[in-house]
Each structure stands twice: as C-alpha cells, then as structure tokens.
Protein backbone atom coordinates (compact mmCIF):
# COMPACT_ATOMS: atom_id res chain seq x y z
CA MET A 1 -92.77 34.42 -31.46
CA SER A 2 -89.21 33.16 -31.19
CA ILE A 3 -89.02 34.40 -27.57
CA LEU A 4 -91.98 32.26 -26.61
CA LEU A 5 -90.51 29.17 -28.25
CA SER A 6 -87.11 29.69 -26.65
CA ASN A 7 -88.59 29.49 -23.14
CA PRO A 8 -88.48 25.78 -22.14
CA ALA A 9 -91.27 26.17 -19.56
CA ILE A 10 -93.73 27.22 -22.24
CA ARG A 11 -92.77 24.47 -24.71
CA THR A 12 -92.77 21.65 -22.13
CA PRO A 13 -96.22 20.12 -21.66
CA TRP A 14 -95.26 19.03 -18.13
CA ALA A 15 -94.56 22.51 -16.77
CA GLY A 16 -97.96 22.91 -15.10
CA GLY A 17 -97.88 19.33 -13.87
CA ARG A 18 -94.56 19.88 -12.14
CA ARG A 19 -95.92 22.87 -10.23
CA ILE A 20 -98.96 20.88 -9.13
CA LEU A 21 -96.78 17.91 -8.17
CA SER A 22 -94.39 20.08 -6.16
CA ALA A 23 -97.35 21.75 -4.41
CA CYS A 24 -98.73 18.32 -3.51
CA VAL A 25 -95.34 17.19 -2.22
CA ARG A 26 -95.04 20.36 -0.11
CA ALA A 27 -98.54 19.84 1.28
CA ALA A 28 -97.75 16.21 2.13
CA LEU A 29 -94.50 17.22 3.86
CA ALA A 30 -96.31 19.92 5.82
CA GLY A 31 -98.96 17.38 6.88
CA LEU A 32 -96.26 14.94 7.93
CA ALA A 33 -94.52 17.65 9.95
CA LEU A 34 -97.79 18.59 11.67
CA ALA A 35 -98.54 14.96 12.49
CA THR A 36 -95.05 14.50 13.91
CA LEU A 37 -95.32 17.62 16.06
CA SER A 38 -98.79 16.72 17.31
CA ALA A 39 -97.57 13.28 18.32
CA CYS A 40 -94.85 14.94 20.40
CA ALA A 41 -97.37 17.12 22.23
CA GLY A 42 -98.29 14.54 24.89
CA ASP A 43 -96.77 11.65 26.79
CA ASP A 44 -98.52 9.15 24.58
CA PRO A 45 -97.39 8.94 20.93
CA ALA A 46 -101.03 8.78 19.88
CA ALA A 47 -102.19 11.49 22.30
CA GLY A 48 -104.80 12.88 19.93
CA LEU A 49 -106.23 9.46 19.17
CA THR A 50 -106.86 8.24 22.72
CA PRO A 51 -110.29 8.76 24.34
CA PRO A 52 -110.66 11.19 27.24
CA ASN A 53 -110.19 9.99 30.80
CA PRO A 54 -113.63 8.83 32.04
CA SER A 55 -112.53 8.52 35.68
CA VAL A 56 -112.63 12.28 36.39
CA PRO A 57 -114.50 12.85 39.67
CA GLN A 58 -117.71 14.87 39.52
CA VAL A 59 -117.70 18.00 41.68
CA PRO A 60 -120.71 20.08 42.77
CA ASP A 61 -121.14 23.44 41.07
CA THR A 62 -120.63 25.29 44.34
CA ALA A 63 -117.08 23.96 44.72
CA PHE A 64 -115.69 26.55 42.30
CA PRO A 65 -115.01 30.20 43.18
CA SER A 66 -117.16 32.88 41.66
CA VAL A 67 -115.60 34.68 38.74
CA GLY A 68 -117.79 37.77 38.98
CA ALA A 69 -118.08 40.43 41.63
CA PRO A 70 -119.63 39.57 44.98
CA ALA A 71 -123.34 40.19 45.39
CA ALA A 72 -124.02 43.86 46.10
CA GLU A 73 -125.97 44.81 49.17
CA ARG A 74 -128.72 47.14 48.00
CA ALA A 75 -130.97 49.44 49.90
CA PRO A 76 -134.53 48.15 50.23
CA ALA A 77 -137.03 49.31 47.64
CA LEU A 78 -139.19 52.34 48.43
CA THR A 79 -142.57 51.74 49.93
CA PRO A 80 -145.49 53.45 48.16
CA GLU A 81 -145.61 56.10 50.90
CA ALA A 82 -141.89 56.83 50.64
CA GLN A 83 -142.16 56.93 46.85
CA GLN A 84 -144.99 59.54 47.05
CA LYS A 85 -142.98 61.62 49.52
CA LEU A 86 -139.95 61.52 47.24
CA GLN A 87 -142.12 62.52 44.25
CA LYS A 88 -143.53 65.54 46.17
CA ASP A 89 -140.03 66.58 47.29
CA LEU A 90 -138.75 66.40 43.72
CA GLU A 91 -141.70 68.41 42.38
CA ARG A 92 -141.18 71.05 45.10
CA LEU A 93 -137.46 71.22 44.22
CA ALA A 94 -138.25 71.56 40.51
CA ARG A 95 -140.62 74.48 41.25
CA THR A 96 -138.01 76.28 43.35
CA GLN A 97 -135.29 75.72 40.75
CA GLY A 98 -137.51 77.11 37.98
CA LYS A 99 -137.94 80.48 39.75
C-alpha cells in the first residue's frame, strides 16, 4: 500500500485531468497547424472558403478524347443460311473426330 501512496500521480486528483487537457491542447495545435497549411495551399489565404469559379466555359462532350480502346470492326453476323451451314460442318467434324 505504501508504494501506491508514494506515487504522486495516483494521489493527485488532477492526474487524469492533466492528460485530458494535454490531449486537448495537442488536438488544438494539430488543428491550427492543419488550418495554417491549408491556407498556404492556394494563392488566396482563404482558398478553401471561396466559391468555385462560375465562369468556366461549357464544352461539348465530344471535345474530349476517348479513354477506352477504339471501336472494333467486327465481322457481320451470320445469316440463317450461313449459320445452318456452319452447324452442319461442325456436326460432320464431330462425327469424324469421334471415329
């Protein structure tokens, strides 16, 4: 019991309050540092507080380059006659492969 009473942090009723106070002071200093750095980010000291520039010209959607691949040129779809011929050729090939 004497070890517990000899520790001043345990006997002082303000020990927990000091930790909370120092955490609040550190948080306030960090917030102040962030606000200072964000103010330095632009030309205007209040860069984050100013409204966006409304005089930006509108551009048609086709004025921008395509990000994806160019359109692929595909072969035309099979006509019903060509599809039937292909089906018969595949069946004939399957029969010859099975032998």
